[in-house]
Amino acid sequence: MKFTLSWLKDHLETDASLDEIVERLTSIGLEVESVDDRAVFKPFRIAKVLSAERHPDADKLQVLSVDAGPEVNGGKPLQVVCGAPNARAGMIGVLGQPGDYVPGLDTTLGVGKIRGVESFGMMCSERELELSDAHEGIIDLPADAPVGARFADYADLIDPVIEINLTPNHPEATGIAGIAFDLAASGLGK
């Protein structure tokens, strides 16, 4: 069974850390198979495309000028080469910068040249961030999305996901209330 830490805390009053909860789950017989702390999403920023010009040497590429807020590049726009068909001036999307790991591509971004034009990151699709299989274009956020904010905070992706192995002797663990009850009974909260 998979559940988020915040969902568990909707049913369990506790100040215990994620590590303490995981350790207690295992000690009471609810084997933790995995914990996805979703830290991979933390570096991605909400960015606004200021301009989108056709790439001088490629028909299907565009050279974007992107504003990722005051904390990125000293507030100066970044140049990003993009092949997404929906990229356009004025849109708000998700920016990956050099040094960011893109899980859907299994690669860490760097500064690169694409057909002779430098690119300082990439605008990301849902598939590239492993949010869905959608890859028709880059993520198109609403106009009121806060430029410069962390995408993970905006999309509520920071919440860790815990997966436990279900066993026949713990039928209560098929629901979040039962898991919370077991943790409370072990003294980890109310």
C-alpha atoms as a PDB file:
ATOM      1  CA  MET A   1       0.000   0.000   0.000  1.00  0.00           C
ATOM      2  CA  LYS A   2       1.230   3.491  -0.844  1.00  0.00           C
ATOM      3  CA  PHE A   3       0.393   6.605   1.134  1.00  0.00           C
ATOM      4  CA  THR A   4       1.809  10.068   1.615  1.00  0.00           C
ATOM      5  CA  LEU A   5       3.165  11.375   4.883  1.00  0.00           C
ATOM      6  CA  SER A   6       0.583  14.183   4.932  1.00  0.00           C
ATOM      7  CA  TRP A   7      -2.257  11.684   4.422  1.00  0.00           C
ATOM      8  CA  LEU A   8      -0.967   9.646   7.357  1.00  0.00           C
ATOM      9  CA  LYS A   9      -0.765  12.806   9.481  1.00  0.00           C
ATOM     10  CA  ASP A  10      -4.413  13.559   8.632  1.00  0.00           C
ATOM     11  CA  HIS A  11      -5.186  10.459  10.728  1.00  0.00           C
ATOM     12  CA  LEU A  12      -2.313  10.459  13.230  1.00  0.00           C
ATOM     13  CA  GLU A  13      -1.315  13.322  15.514  1.00  0.00           C
ATOM     14  CA  THR A  14       2.456  12.989  15.801  1.00  0.00           C
ATOM     15  CA  ASP A  15       5.617  15.060  15.756  1.00  0.00           C
ATOM     16  CA  ALA A  16       7.668  12.054  14.625  1.00  0.00           C
ATOM     17  CA  SER A  17      10.018  12.503  11.673  1.00  0.00           C
ATOM     18  CA  LEU A  18       9.746  10.515   8.469  1.00  0.00           C
ATOM     19  CA  ASP A  19      12.661   8.312   9.571  1.00  0.00           C
ATOM     20  CA  GLU A  20      11.037   7.606  12.952  1.00  0.00           C
ATOM     21  CA  ILE A  21       7.751   6.675  11.298  1.00  0.00           C
ATOM     22  CA  VAL A  22       9.476   4.360   8.810  1.00  0.00           C
ATOM     23  CA  GLU A  23      11.458   2.682  11.603  1.00  0.00           C
ATOM     24  CA  ARG A  24       8.321   2.222  13.725  1.00  0.00           C
ATOM     25  CA  LEU A  25       6.315   0.793  10.824  1.00  0.00           C
ATOM     26  CA  THR A  26       8.983  -1.859  10.319  1.00  0.00           C
ATOM     27  CA  SER A  27       9.238  -2.624  14.047  1.00  0.00           C
ATOM     28  CA  ILE A  28       5.467  -3.262  14.320  1.00  0.00           C
ATOM     29  CA  GLY A  29       5.511  -5.669  11.379  1.00  0.00           C
ATOM     30  CA  LEU A  30       4.521  -3.361   8.517  1.00  0.00           C
ATOM     31  CA  GLU A  31       7.505  -3.811   6.222  1.00  0.00           C
ATOM     32  CA  VAL A  32       8.428  -0.609   4.429  1.00  0.00           C
ATOM     33  CA  GLU A  33       9.298  -1.453   0.832  1.00  0.00           C
ATOM     34  CA  SER A  34      10.244   2.056  -0.262  1.00  0.00           C
ATOM     35  CA  VAL A  35      10.220   5.713   0.655  1.00  0.00           C
ATOM     36  CA  ASP A  36      10.154   8.261  -2.133  1.00  0.00           C
ATOM     37  CA  ASP A  37      11.036  11.602  -0.562  1.00  0.00           C
ATOM     38  CA  ARG A  38      10.457  13.280  -3.952  1.00  0.00           C
ATOM     39  CA  ALA A  39      13.573  15.419  -3.514  1.00  0.00           C
ATOM     40  CA  VAL A  40      14.170  15.127  -7.262  1.00  0.00           C
ATOM     41  CA  PHE A  41      11.487  17.804  -7.789  1.00  0.00           C
ATOM     42  CA  LYS A  42      13.007  20.419  -5.471  1.00  0.00           C
ATOM     43  CA  PRO A  43      15.302  22.236  -7.929  1.00  0.00           C
ATOM     44  CA  PHE A  44      12.741  22.802 -10.716  1.00  0.00           C
ATOM     45  CA  ARG A  45      11.372  26.352 -10.963  1.00  0.00           C
ATOM     46  CA  ILE A  46       8.276  27.940 -12.417  1.00  0.00           C
ATOM     47  CA  ALA A  47       9.393  30.101 -15.340  1.00  0.00           C
ATOM     48  CA  LYS A  48       7.764  32.431 -17.840  1.00  0.00           C
ATOM     49  CA  VAL A  49       8.696  32.370 -21.513  1.00  0.00           C
ATOM     50  CA  LEU A  50       9.415  35.992 -22.417  1.00  0.00           C
ATOM     51  CA  SER A  51      10.083  35.355 -26.098  1.00  0.00           C
ATOM     52  CA  ALA A  52      10.153  32.412 -28.478  1.00  0.00           C
ATOM     53  CA  GLU A  53      12.160  32.833 -31.690  1.00  0.00           C
ATOM     54  CA  ARG A  54      12.742  30.264 -34.405  1.00  0.00           C
ATOM     55  CA  HIS A  55      16.135  28.545 -34.140  1.00  0.00           C
ATOM     56  CA  PRO A  56      18.417  29.791 -36.958  1.00  0.00           C
ATOM     57  CA  ASP A  57      19.532  26.274 -37.963  1.00  0.00           C
ATOM     58  CA  ALA A  58      16.571  24.021 -37.138  1.00  0.00           C
ATOM     59  CA  ASP A  59      12.949  24.074 -38.274  1.00  0.00           C
ATOM     60  CA  LYS A  60      11.487  22.360 -35.209  1.00  0.00           C
ATOM     61  CA  LEU A  61      13.473  24.181 -32.518  1.00  0.00           C
ATOM     62  CA  GLN A  62      12.917  27.525 -30.839  1.00  0.00           C
ATOM     63  CA  VAL A  63      15.230  29.745 -28.827  1.00  0.00           C
ATOM     64  CA  LEU A  64      13.387  30.880 -25.716  1.00  0.00           C
ATOM     65  CA  SER A  65      14.159  33.728 -23.371  1.00  0.00           C
ATOM     66  CA  VAL A  66      12.969  32.543 -19.961  1.00  0.00           C
ATOM     67  CA  ASP A  67      12.393  34.412 -16.685  1.00  0.00           C
ATOM     68  CA  ALA A  68      12.775  32.109 -13.682  1.00  0.00           C
ATOM     69  CA  GLY A  69      12.539  34.788 -11.011  1.00  0.00           C
ATOM     70  CA  PRO A  70      15.067  36.822  -9.024  1.00  0.00           C
ATOM     71  CA  GLU A  71      16.831  33.817  -7.439  1.00  0.00           C
ATOM     72  CA  VAL A  72      17.866  32.321 -10.780  1.00  0.00           C
ATOM     73  CA  ASN A  73      20.693  33.895 -12.799  1.00  0.00           C
ATOM     74  CA  GLY A  74      20.445  37.100 -10.785  1.00  0.00           C
ATOM     75  CA  GLY A  75      16.978  37.731 -12.199  1.00  0.00           C
ATOM     76  CA  LYS A  76      18.298  37.907 -15.766  1.00  0.00           C
ATOM     77  CA  PRO A  77      16.522  35.891 -18.462  1.00  0.00           C
ATOM     78  CA  LEU A  78      18.006  32.539 -19.470  1.00  0.00           C
ATOM     79  CA  GLN A  79      18.356  31.299 -23.032  1.00  0.00           C
ATOM     80  CA  VAL A  80      16.828  27.858 -23.531  1.00  0.00           C
ATOM     81  CA  VAL A  81      16.615  25.888 -26.778  1.00  0.00           C
ATOM     82  CA  CYS A  82      13.306  24.023 -26.922  1.00  0.00           C
ATOM     83  CA  GLY A  83      11.693  21.602 -29.357  1.00  0.00           C
ATOM     84  CA  ALA A  84       8.213  21.504 -27.815  1.00  0.00           C
ATOM     85  CA  PRO A  85       5.455  22.459 -30.266  1.00  0.00           C
ATOM     86  CA  ASN A  86       3.484  24.340 -27.589  1.00  0.00           C
ATOM     87  CA  ALA A  87       6.336  26.635 -26.475  1.00  0.00           C
ATOM     88  CA  ARG A  88       5.310  30.252 -26.968  1.00  0.00           C
ATOM     89  CA  ALA A  89       5.917  33.701 -25.572  1.00  0.00           C
ATOM     90  CA  GLY A  90       3.851  34.397 -22.471  1.00  0.00           C
ATOM     91  CA  MET A  91       3.399  30.796 -21.352  1.00  0.00           C
ATOM     92  CA  ILE A  92       4.403  29.672 -17.889  1.00  0.00           C
ATOM     93  CA  GLY A  93       6.080  26.305 -17.472  1.00  0.00           C
ATOM     94  CA  VAL A  94       8.659  24.340 -15.513  1.00  0.00           C
ATOM     95  CA  LEU A  95      12.371  25.024 -15.939  1.00  0.00           C
ATOM     96  CA  GLY A  96      15.200  22.587 -15.318  1.00  0.00           C
ATOM     97  CA  GLN A  97      18.589  24.262 -14.924  1.00  0.00           C
ATOM     98  CA  PRO A  98      22.141  22.989 -15.370  1.00  0.00           C
ATOM     99  CA  GLY A  99      22.864  20.555 -12.550  1.00  0.00           C
ATOM    100  CA  ASP A 100      19.237  19.425 -12.175  1.00  0.00           C
ATOM    101  CA  TYR A 101      18.500  15.701 -12.558  1.00  0.00           C
ATOM    102  CA  VAL A 102      15.602  14.966 -14.955  1.00  0.00           C
ATOM    103  CA  PRO A 103      14.150  11.583 -13.883  1.00  0.00           C
ATOM    104  CA  GLY A 104      12.230  10.847 -17.104  1.00  0.00           C
ATOM    105  CA  LEU A 105      15.409  11.243 -19.151  1.00  0.00           C
ATOM    106  CA  ASP A 106      17.723   9.773 -16.489  1.00  0.00           C
ATOM    107  CA  THR A 107      20.160  12.607 -17.077  1.00  0.00           C
ATOM    108  CA  THR A 108      21.620  15.607 -15.317  1.00  0.00           C
ATOM    109  CA  LEU A 109      21.323  18.823 -17.265  1.00  0.00           C
ATOM    110  CA  GLY A 110      24.308  20.883 -18.270  1.00  0.00           C
ATOM    111  CA  VAL A 111      24.959  23.946 -20.354  1.00  0.00           C
ATOM    112  CA  GLY A 112      25.036  22.796 -23.950  1.00  0.00           C
ATOM    113  CA  LYS A 113      24.971  23.895 -27.543  1.00  0.00           C
ATOM    114  CA  ILE A 114      22.113  22.706 -29.691  1.00  0.00           C
ATOM    115  CA  ARG A 115      22.876  23.287 -33.366  1.00  0.00           C
ATOM    116  CA  GLY A 116      25.265  26.064 -32.450  1.00  0.00           C
ATOM    117  CA  VAL A 117      23.025  27.901 -29.956  1.00  0.00           C
ATOM    118  CA  GLU A 118      23.786  27.746 -26.236  1.00  0.00           C
ATOM    119  CA  SER A 119      21.051  26.427 -23.955  1.00  0.00           C
ATOM    120  CA  PHE A 120      21.081  27.002 -20.201  1.00  0.00           C
ATOM    121  CA  GLY A 121      18.491  24.415 -19.196  1.00  0.00           C
ATOM    122  CA  MET A 122      15.250  22.978 -20.484  1.00  0.00           C
ATOM    123  CA  MET A 123      11.533  23.515 -20.222  1.00  0.00           C
ATOM    124  CA  CYS A 124      10.070  20.211 -19.029  1.00  0.00           C
ATOM    125  CA  SER A 125       7.151  18.013 -20.044  1.00  0.00           C
ATOM    126  CA  GLU A 126       5.140  15.887 -17.614  1.00  0.00           C
ATOM    127  CA  ARG A 127       6.806  12.721 -18.920  1.00  0.00           C
ATOM    128  CA  GLU A 128      10.288  14.154 -18.389  1.00  0.00           C
ATOM    129  CA  LEU A 129       9.414  14.772 -14.728  1.00  0.00           C
ATOM    130  CA  GLU A 130       7.622  11.387 -14.517  1.00  0.00           C
ATOM    131  CA  LEU A 131       4.344  13.037 -13.524  1.00  0.00           C
ATOM    132  CA  SER A 132       2.431  11.305 -16.343  1.00  0.00           C
ATOM    133  CA  ASP A 133       3.020   9.853 -19.803  1.00  0.00           C
ATOM    134  CA  ALA A 134       2.025  13.147 -21.472  1.00  0.00           C
ATOM    135  CA  HIS A 135       4.706  14.353 -23.864  1.00  0.00           C
ATOM    136  CA  GLU A 136       2.788  16.498 -26.347  1.00  0.00           C
ATOM    137  CA  GLY A 137       4.679  19.540 -25.142  1.00  0.00           C
ATOM    138  CA  ILE A 138       6.076  21.296 -22.114  1.00  0.00           C
ATOM    139  CA  ILE A 139       4.001  21.748 -18.971  1.00  0.00           C
ATOM    140  CA  ASP A 140       1.650  24.708 -19.457  1.00  0.00           C
ATOM    141  CA  LEU A 141       0.802  26.196 -16.054  1.00  0.00           C
ATOM    142  CA  PRO A 142      -1.969  28.723 -15.343  1.00  0.00           C
ATOM    143  CA  ALA A 143      -1.184  32.412 -15.818  1.00  0.00           C
ATOM    144  CA  ASP A 144      -1.278  32.998 -12.050  1.00  0.00           C
ATOM    145  CA  ALA A 145       1.467  30.437 -11.286  1.00  0.00           C
ATOM    146  CA  PRO A 146       4.157  32.248  -9.242  1.00  0.00           C
ATOM    147  CA  VAL A 147       7.196  32.781 -11.491  1.00  0.00           C
ATOM    148  CA  GLY A 148      10.396  31.902  -9.648  1.00  0.00           C
ATOM    149  CA  ALA A 149       8.712  29.638  -7.081  1.00  0.00           C
ATOM    150  CA  ARG A 150       9.739  26.017  -6.726  1.00  0.00           C
ATOM    151  CA  PHE A 151       7.470  23.856  -8.881  1.00  0.00           C
ATOM    152  CA  ALA A 152       7.414  21.159  -6.191  1.00  0.00           C
ATOM    153  CA  ASP A 153       5.905  23.564  -3.666  1.00  0.00           C
ATOM    154  CA  TYR A 154       3.368  24.890  -6.179  1.00  0.00           C
ATOM    155  CA  ALA A 155       2.277  21.406  -7.304  1.00  0.00           C
ATOM    156  CA  ASP A 156       2.503  19.927  -3.767  1.00  0.00           C
ATOM    157  CA  LEU A 157       5.086  17.339  -4.828  1.00  0.00           C
ATOM    158  CA  ILE A 158       7.333  17.497  -1.753  1.00  0.00           C
ATOM    159  CA  ASP A 159       5.154  15.142   0.289  1.00  0.00           C
ATOM    160  CA  PRO A 160       7.074  11.842   0.796  1.00  0.00           C
ATOM    161  CA  VAL A 161       5.391   8.631  -0.403  1.00  0.00           C
ATOM    162  CA  ILE A 162       5.732   5.533   1.793  1.00  0.00           C
ATOM    163  CA  GLU A 163       5.042   2.061   0.416  1.00  0.00           C
ATOM    164  CA  ILE A 164       4.472  -0.859   2.769  1.00  0.00           C
ATOM    165  CA  ASN A 165       4.201  -4.548   1.978  1.00  0.00           C
ATOM    166  CA  LEU A 166       0.775  -5.948   2.784  1.00  0.00           C
ATOM    167  CA  THR A 167       0.738  -9.281   4.588  1.00  0.00           C
ATOM    168  CA  PRO A 168      -2.239 -11.510   5.482  1.00  0.00           C
ATOM    169  CA  ASN A 169      -1.724 -10.993   9.225  1.00  0.00           C
ATOM    170  CA  HIS A 170      -2.239  -7.200   8.945  1.00  0.00           C
ATOM    171  CA  PRO A 171      -5.621  -6.626   7.260  1.00  0.00           C
ATOM    172  CA  GLU A 172      -5.888  -3.240   9.008  1.00  0.00           C
ATOM    173  CA  ALA A 173      -2.929  -2.044   6.921  1.00  0.00           C
ATOM    174  CA  THR A 174      -5.075  -1.987   3.782  1.00  0.00           C
ATOM    175  CA  GLY A 175      -6.309   1.451   4.844  1.00  0.00           C
ATOM    176  CA  ILE A 176      -4.663   4.599   6.152  1.00  0.00           C
ATOM    177  CA  ALA A 177      -6.814   4.655   9.312  1.00  0.00           C
ATOM    178  CA  GLY A 178      -5.584   1.165  10.248  1.00  0.00           C
ATOM    179  CA  ILE A 179      -1.951   2.140   9.723  1.00  0.00           C
ATOM    180  CA  ALA A 180      -2.457   5.262  11.848  1.00  0.00           C
ATOM    181  CA  PHE A 181      -4.139   3.161  14.549  1.00  0.00           C
ATOM    182  CA  ASP A 182      -1.206   0.701  14.610  1.00  0.00           C
ATOM    183  CA  LEU A 183       1.295   3.557  14.940  1.00  0.00           C
ATOM    184  CA  ALA A 184      -0.750   5.188  17.709  1.00  0.00           C
ATOM    185  CA  ALA A 185      -1.028   1.845  19.540  1.00  0.00           C
ATOM    186  CA  SER A 186       2.764   1.575  19.389  1.00  0.00           C
ATOM    187  CA  GLY A 187       3.068   4.942  21.145  1.00  0.00           C
ATOM    188  CA  LEU A 188       4.020   7.096  18.167  1.00  0.00           C
ATOM    189  CA  GLY A 189       1.064   9.487  18.453  1.00  0.00           C
ATOM    190  CA  LYS A 190      -2.671   9.800  18.899  1.00  0.00           C
END
